[in-house]
Amino acid sequence: YAIDKYDSENALKEKLKRTLSQKEIERTIDTLIGMQKVRRIGMDVLQNNVSHSGELPELPGHLKSILESL
């Protein structure tokens, strides 16, 4: 959901720095790319790989507020 909200990888990393360490952010993005859940397009663009993993399910209300705070 955060990748949908921030298509710039640098912007996403900047927002996640408040919650996760730089190492955790890098590892998580690399894992999502390795699992083909996310793909990197160009130098600074991440995109959910809906052709491989399908559409994102509806986000529960209590998680929407967390995403909005990023």
PDB file of N, CA and C in Angstrom:
ATOM      1  N   TYR A   1       0.827  -1.194   0.000  1.00  0.00           N
ATOM      2  CA  TYR A   1       0.000   0.000   0.000  1.00  0.00           C
ATOM      3  C   TYR A   1       0.871   1.258   0.000  1.00  0.00           C
ATOM      4  N   ALA A   2       1.967   1.207   0.730  1.00  0.00           N
ATOM      5  CA  ALA A   2       2.871   2.360   0.742  1.00  0.00           C
ATOM      6  C   ALA A   2       3.527   2.545  -0.619  1.00  0.00           C
ATOM      7  N   ILE A   3       3.774   1.447  -1.323  1.00  0.00           N
ATOM      8  CA  ILE A   3       4.358   1.546  -2.661  1.00  0.00           C
ATOM      9  C   ILE A   3       3.362   2.189  -3.615  1.00  0.00           C
ATOM     10  N   ASP A   4       2.081   1.890  -3.464  1.00  0.00           N
ATOM     11  CA  ASP A   4       1.062   2.568  -4.276  1.00  0.00           C
ATOM     12  C   ASP A   4       1.012   4.062  -3.960  1.00  0.00           C
ATOM     13  N   LYS A   5       1.174   4.387  -2.688  1.00  0.00           N
ATOM     14  CA  LYS A   5       1.076   5.783  -2.263  1.00  0.00           C
ATOM     15  C   LYS A   5       2.291   6.596  -2.716  1.00  0.00           C
ATOM     16  N   TYR A   6       3.470   6.013  -2.605  1.00  0.00           N
ATOM     17  CA  TYR A   6       4.712   6.701  -2.983  1.00  0.00           C
ATOM     18  C   TYR A   6       5.395   5.897  -4.071  1.00  0.00           C
ATOM     19  N   ASP A   7       5.286   6.326  -5.316  1.00  0.00           N
ATOM     20  CA  ASP A   7       5.909   5.555  -6.392  1.00  0.00           C
ATOM     21  C   ASP A   7       7.417   5.778  -6.458  1.00  0.00           C
ATOM     22  N   SER A   8       7.919   6.814  -5.807  1.00  0.00           N
ATOM     23  CA  SER A   8       9.356   7.076  -5.775  1.00  0.00           C
ATOM     24  C   SER A   8       9.995   6.259  -4.648  1.00  0.00           C
ATOM     25  N   GLU A   9      10.985   5.466  -4.997  1.00  0.00           N
ATOM     26  CA  GLU A   9      11.664   4.641  -4.000  1.00  0.00           C
ATOM     27  C   GLU A   9      12.312   5.506  -2.924  1.00  0.00           C
ATOM     28  N   ASN A  10      12.915   6.607  -3.320  1.00  0.00           N
ATOM     29  CA  ASN A  10      13.556   7.490  -2.340  1.00  0.00           C
ATOM     30  C   ASN A  10      12.540   8.116  -1.395  1.00  0.00           C
ATOM     31  N   ALA A  11      11.387   8.521  -1.907  1.00  0.00           N
ATOM     32  CA  ALA A  11      10.339   9.093  -1.053  1.00  0.00           C
ATOM     33  C   ALA A  11       9.820   8.047  -0.074  1.00  0.00           C
ATOM     34  N   LEU A  12       9.639   6.825  -0.546  1.00  0.00           N
ATOM     35  CA  LEU A  12       9.172   5.737   0.315  1.00  0.00           C
ATOM     36  C   LEU A  12      10.179   5.465   1.429  1.00  0.00           C
ATOM     37  N   LYS A  13      11.445   5.375   1.074  1.00  0.00           N
ATOM     38  CA  LYS A  13      12.486   5.123   2.079  1.00  0.00           C
ATOM     39  C   LYS A  13      12.524   6.243   3.109  1.00  0.00           C
ATOM     40  N   GLU A  14      12.373   7.474   2.655  1.00  0.00           N
ATOM     41  CA  GLU A  14      12.392   8.623   3.561  1.00  0.00           C
ATOM     42  C   GLU A  14      11.239   8.541   4.566  1.00  0.00           C
ATOM     43  N   LYS A  15      10.058   8.171   4.099  1.00  0.00           N
ATOM     44  CA  LYS A  15       8.895   8.058   4.986  1.00  0.00           C
ATOM     45  C   LYS A  15       9.054   6.897   5.961  1.00  0.00           C
ATOM     46  N   LEU A  16       9.628   5.781   5.497  1.00  0.00           N
ATOM     47  CA  LEU A  16       9.769   4.604   6.352  1.00  0.00           C
ATOM     48  C   LEU A  16      10.886   4.746   7.382  1.00  0.00           C
ATOM     49  N   LYS A  17      11.798   5.709   7.183  1.00  0.00           N
ATOM     50  CA  LYS A  17      12.903   5.906   8.124  1.00  0.00           C
ATOM     51  C   LYS A  17      12.417   6.221   9.527  1.00  0.00           C
ATOM     52  N   ARG A  18      11.226   6.777   9.635  1.00  0.00           N
ATOM     53  CA  ARG A  18      10.665   7.097  10.955  1.00  0.00           C
ATOM     54  C   ARG A  18      10.319   5.833  11.737  1.00  0.00           C
ATOM     55  N   THR A  19      10.068   4.737  11.005  1.00  0.00           N
ATOM     56  CA  THR A  19       9.596   3.509  11.626  1.00  0.00           C
ATOM     57  C   THR A  19      10.627   2.388  11.613  1.00  0.00           C
ATOM     58  N   LEU A  20      11.387   2.272  10.527  1.00  0.00           N
ATOM     59  CA  LEU A  20      12.322   1.163  10.339  1.00  0.00           C
ATOM     60  C   LEU A  20      13.740   1.679  10.158  1.00  0.00           C
ATOM     61  N   SER A  21      14.708   0.803  10.442  1.00  0.00           N
ATOM     62  CA  SER A  21      16.098   1.168  10.172  1.00  0.00           C
ATOM     63  C   SER A  21      16.357   1.086   8.669  1.00  0.00           C
ATOM     64  N   GLN A  22      17.413   1.730   8.214  1.00  0.00           N
ATOM     65  CA  GLN A  22      17.766   1.715   6.793  1.00  0.00           C
ATOM     66  C   GLN A  22      17.992   0.283   6.306  1.00  0.00           C
ATOM     67  N   LYS A  23      18.630  -0.529   7.136  1.00  0.00           N
ATOM     68  CA  LYS A  23      18.897  -1.926   6.778  1.00  0.00           C
ATOM     69  C   LYS A  23      17.589  -2.702   6.612  1.00  0.00           C
ATOM     70  N   GLU A  24      16.636  -2.494   7.521  1.00  0.00           N
ATOM     71  CA  GLU A  24      15.337  -3.165   7.420  1.00  0.00           C
ATOM     72  C   GLU A  24      14.577  -2.733   6.171  1.00  0.00           C
ATOM     73  N   ILE A  25      14.647  -1.464   5.840  1.00  0.00           N
ATOM     74  CA  ILE A  25      13.968  -0.955   4.646  1.00  0.00           C
ATOM     75  C   ILE A  25      14.548  -1.605   3.400  1.00  0.00           C
ATOM     76  N   GLU A  26      15.879  -1.602   3.283  1.00  0.00           N
ATOM     77  CA  GLU A  26      16.541  -2.194   2.114  1.00  0.00           C
ATOM     78  C   GLU A  26      16.225  -3.684   2.005  1.00  0.00           C
ATOM     79  N   ARG A  27      16.299  -4.388   3.128  1.00  0.00           N
ATOM     80  CA  ARG A  27      16.041  -5.832   3.131  1.00  0.00           C
ATOM     81  C   ARG A  27      14.601  -6.132   2.721  1.00  0.00           C
ATOM     82  N   THR A  28      13.664  -5.354   3.216  1.00  0.00           N
ATOM     83  CA  THR A  28      12.258  -5.570   2.891  1.00  0.00           C
ATOM     84  C   THR A  28      11.982  -5.318   1.416  1.00  0.00           C
ATOM     85  N   ILE A  29      12.510  -4.237   0.874  1.00  0.00           N
ATOM     86  CA  ILE A  29      12.315  -3.946  -0.549  1.00  0.00           C
ATOM     87  C   ILE A  29      12.958  -5.036  -1.400  1.00  0.00           C
ATOM     88  N   ASP A  30      14.177  -5.449  -1.044  1.00  0.00           N
ATOM     89  CA  ASP A  30      14.854  -6.515  -1.791  1.00  0.00           C
ATOM     90  C   ASP A  30      14.068  -7.820  -1.731  1.00  0.00           C
ATOM     91  N   THR A  31      13.491  -8.134  -0.568  1.00  0.00           N
ATOM     92  CA  THR A  31      12.686  -9.353  -0.430  1.00  0.00           C
ATOM     93  C   THR A  31      11.441  -9.282  -1.299  1.00  0.00           C
ATOM     94  N   LEU A  32      10.746  -8.151  -1.291  1.00  0.00           N
ATOM     95  CA  LEU A  32       9.547  -8.000  -2.119  1.00  0.00           C
ATOM     96  C   LEU A  32       9.876  -8.108  -3.605  1.00  0.00           C
ATOM     97  N   ILE A  33      11.012  -7.558  -4.011  1.00  0.00           N
ATOM     98  CA  ILE A  33      11.433  -7.672  -5.408  1.00  0.00           C
ATOM     99  C   ILE A  33      11.780  -9.123  -5.727  1.00  0.00           C
ATOM    100  N   GLY A  34      12.498  -9.795  -4.833  1.00  0.00           N
ATOM    101  CA  GLY A  34      12.863 -11.196  -5.034  1.00  0.00           C
ATOM    102  C   GLY A  34      11.658 -12.112  -5.120  1.00  0.00           C
ATOM    103  N   MET A  35      10.612 -11.807  -4.361  1.00  0.00           N
ATOM    104  CA  MET A  35       9.381 -12.612  -4.383  1.00  0.00           C
ATOM    105  C   MET A  35       8.461 -12.196  -5.521  1.00  0.00           C
ATOM    106  N   GLN A  36       8.883 -11.224  -6.307  1.00  0.00           N
ATOM    107  CA  GLN A  36       8.144 -10.685  -7.443  1.00  0.00           C
ATOM    108  C   GLN A  36       6.816 -10.050  -7.036  1.00  0.00           C
ATOM    109  N   LYS A  37       6.734  -9.580  -5.802  1.00  0.00           N
ATOM    110  CA  LYS A  37       5.557  -8.833  -5.345  1.00  0.00           C
ATOM    111  C   LYS A  37       5.648  -7.381  -5.801  1.00  0.00           C
ATOM    112  N   VAL A  38       6.892  -6.917  -5.958  1.00  0.00           N
ATOM    113  CA  VAL A  38       7.180  -5.536  -6.347  1.00  0.00           C
ATOM    114  C   VAL A  38       8.220  -5.586  -7.450  1.00  0.00           C
ATOM    115  N   ARG A  39       8.139  -4.632  -8.364  1.00  0.00           N
ATOM    116  CA  ARG A  39       9.180  -4.538  -9.392  1.00  0.00           C
ATOM    117  C   ARG A  39       9.726  -3.123  -9.422  1.00  0.00           C
ATOM    118  N   ARG A  40      10.994  -3.042  -9.792  1.00  0.00           N
ATOM    119  CA  ARG A  40      11.659  -1.749  -9.908  1.00  0.00           C
ATOM    120  C   ARG A  40      11.608  -1.346 -11.374  1.00  0.00           C
ATOM    121  N   ILE A  41      11.098  -0.156 -11.621  1.00  0.00           N
ATOM    122  CA  ILE A  41      10.988   0.372 -12.980  1.00  0.00           C
ATOM    123  C   ILE A  41      11.843   1.627 -13.028  1.00  0.00           C
ATOM    124  N   GLY A  42      12.914   1.589 -13.764  1.00  0.00           N
ATOM    125  CA  GLY A  42      13.797   2.746 -13.828  1.00  0.00           C
ATOM    126  C   GLY A  42      14.650   2.866 -12.585  1.00  0.00           C
ATOM    127  N   MET A  43      15.208   4.035 -12.410  1.00  0.00           N
ATOM    128  CA  MET A  43      16.156   4.260 -11.316  1.00  0.00           C
ATOM    129  C   MET A  43      15.487   4.417  -9.951  1.00  0.00           C
ATOM    130  N   ASP A  44      14.306   5.021  -9.901  1.00  0.00           N
ATOM    131  CA  ASP A  44      13.737   5.396  -8.606  1.00  0.00           C
ATOM    132  C   ASP A  44      12.245   5.088  -8.499  1.00  0.00           C
ATOM    133  N   VAL A  45      11.751   4.145  -9.286  1.00  0.00           N
ATOM    134  CA  VAL A  45      10.317   3.879  -9.280  1.00  0.00           C
ATOM    135  C   VAL A  45      10.069   2.426  -8.894  1.00  0.00           C
ATOM    136  N   LEU A  46       9.244   2.238  -7.855  1.00  0.00           N
ATOM    137  CA  LEU A  46       8.787   0.912  -7.455  1.00  0.00           C
ATOM    138  C   LEU A  46       7.323   0.781  -7.827  1.00  0.00           C
ATOM    139  N   GLN A  47       6.921  -0.433  -8.184  1.00  0.00           N
ATOM    140  CA  GLN A  47       5.534  -0.665  -8.575  1.00  0.00           C
ATOM    141  C   GLN A  47       5.113  -2.041  -8.077  1.00  0.00           C
ATOM    142  N   ASN A  48       3.893  -2.128  -7.530  1.00  0.00           N
ATOM    143  CA  ASN A  48       3.351  -3.428  -7.162  1.00  0.00           C
ATOM    144  C   ASN A  48       3.197  -4.254  -8.427  1.00  0.00           C
ATOM    145  N   ASN A  49       3.591  -5.509  -8.362  1.00  0.00           N
ATOM    146  CA  ASN A  49       3.548  -6.390  -9.522  1.00  0.00           C
ATOM    147  C   ASN A  49       2.208  -7.127  -9.525  1.00  0.00           C
ATOM    148  N   VAL A  50       1.146  -6.442  -9.903  1.00  0.00           N
ATOM    149  CA  VAL A  50      -0.196  -7.021  -9.850  1.00  0.00           C
ATOM    150  C   VAL A  50      -0.360  -8.168 -10.836  1.00  0.00           C
ATOM    151  N   SER A  51       0.438  -8.206 -11.887  1.00  0.00           N
ATOM    152  CA  SER A  51       0.337  -9.316 -12.836  1.00  0.00           C
ATOM    153  C   SER A  51       0.819 -10.616 -12.201  1.00  0.00           C
ATOM    154  N   HIS A  52       1.688 -10.526 -11.202  1.00  0.00           N
ATOM    155  CA  HIS A  52       2.196 -11.729 -10.533  1.00  0.00           C
ATOM    156  C   HIS A  52       1.442 -12.037  -9.241  1.00  0.00           C
ATOM    157  N   SER A  53       1.138 -11.006  -8.467  1.00  0.00           N
ATOM    158  CA  SER A  53       0.549 -11.232  -7.144  1.00  0.00           C
ATOM    159  C   SER A  53      -0.927 -10.872  -7.051  1.00  0.00           C
ATOM    160  N   GLY A  54      -1.502 -10.326  -8.104  1.00  0.00           N
ATOM    161  CA  GLY A  54      -2.911  -9.944  -8.082  1.00  0.00           C
ATOM    162  C   GLY A  54      -3.103  -8.574  -7.454  1.00  0.00           C
ATOM    163  N   GLU A  55      -4.341  -8.127  -7.468  1.00  0.00           N
ATOM    164  CA  GLU A  55      -4.675  -6.818  -6.888  1.00  0.00           C
ATOM    165  C   GLU A  55      -4.511  -6.858  -5.374  1.00  0.00           C
ATOM    166  N   LEU A  56      -4.227  -5.709  -4.805  1.00  0.00           N
ATOM    167  CA  LEU A  56      -4.112  -5.612  -3.354  1.00  0.00           C
ATOM    168  C   LEU A  56      -5.488  -5.791  -2.724  1.00  0.00           C
ATOM    169  N   PRO A  57      -5.580  -6.550  -1.624  1.00  0.00           N
ATOM    170  CA  PRO A  57      -6.871  -6.697  -0.943  1.00  0.00           C
ATOM    171  C   PRO A  57      -7.261  -5.391  -0.258  1.00  0.00           C
ATOM    172  N   GLU A  58      -8.515  -5.296   0.145  1.00  0.00           N
ATOM    173  CA  GLU A  58      -8.997  -4.106   0.860  1.00  0.00           C
ATOM    174  C   GLU A  58      -8.223  -3.968   2.168  1.00  0.00           C
ATOM    175  N   LEU A  59      -7.745  -2.782   2.437  1.00  0.00           N
ATOM    176  CA  LEU A  59      -6.961  -2.515   3.639  1.00  0.00           C
ATOM    177  C   LEU A  59      -7.901  -2.292   4.820  1.00  0.00           C
ATOM    178  N   PRO A  60      -7.704  -3.020   5.941  1.00  0.00           N
ATOM    179  CA  PRO A  60      -8.543  -2.822   7.124  1.00  0.00           C
ATOM    180  C   PRO A  60      -8.417  -1.391   7.654  1.00  0.00           C
ATOM    181  N   GLY A  61      -9.479  -0.909   8.265  1.00  0.00           N
ATOM    182  CA  GLY A  61      -9.543   0.466   8.741  1.00  0.00           C
ATOM    183  C   GLY A  61      -8.420   0.858   9.677  1.00  0.00           C
ATOM    184  N   HIS A  62      -8.061  -0.034  10.609  1.00  0.00           N
ATOM    185  CA  HIS A  62      -7.016   0.316  11.574  1.00  0.00           C
ATOM    186  C   HIS A  62      -5.646   0.449  10.911  1.00  0.00           C
ATOM    187  N   LEU A  63      -5.451  -0.187   9.763  1.00  0.00           N
ATOM    188  CA  LEU A  63      -4.188  -0.052   9.045  1.00  0.00           C
ATOM    189  C   LEU A  63      -4.178   1.167   8.127  1.00  0.00           C
ATOM    190  N   LYS A  64      -5.362   1.613   7.719  1.00  0.00           N
ATOM    191  CA  LYS A  64      -5.439   2.805   6.866  1.00  0.00           C
ATOM    192  C   LYS A  64      -4.871   4.021   7.583  1.00  0.00           C
ATOM    193  N   SER A  65      -5.156   4.137   8.874  1.00  0.00           N
ATOM    194  CA  SER A  65      -4.647   5.289   9.625  1.00  0.00           C
ATOM    195  C   SER A  65      -3.124   5.252   9.728  1.00  0.00           C
ATOM    196  N   ILE A  66      -2.557   4.056   9.831  1.00  0.00           N
ATOM    197  CA  ILE A  66      -1.096   3.927   9.875  1.00  0.00           C
ATOM    198  C   ILE A  66      -0.497   4.357   8.549  1.00  0.00           C
ATOM    199  N   LEU A  67      -1.089   3.905   7.453  1.00  0.00           N
ATOM    200  CA  LEU A  67      -0.594   4.269   6.127  1.00  0.00           C
ATOM    201  C   LEU A  67      -0.719   5.767   5.891  1.00  0.00           C
ATOM    202  N   GLU A  68      -1.824   6.349   6.327  1.00  0.00           N
ATOM    203  CA  GLU A  68      -2.017   7.788   6.147  1.00  0.00           C
ATOM    204  C   GLU A  68      -0.990   8.598   6.928  1.00  0.00           C
ATOM    205  N   SER A  69      -0.510   8.044   8.047  1.00  0.00           N
ATOM    206  CA  SER A  69       0.466   8.777   8.856  1.00  0.00           C
ATOM    207  C   SER A  69       1.868   8.739   8.265  1.00  0.00           C
ATOM    208  N   LEU A  70       2.109   7.876   7.284  1.00  0.00           N
ATOM    209  CA  LEU A  70       3.434   7.824   6.640  1.00  0.00           C
ATOM    210  C   LEU A  70       3.653   9.051   5.797  1.00  0.00           C
TER     211      LEU A  70
END
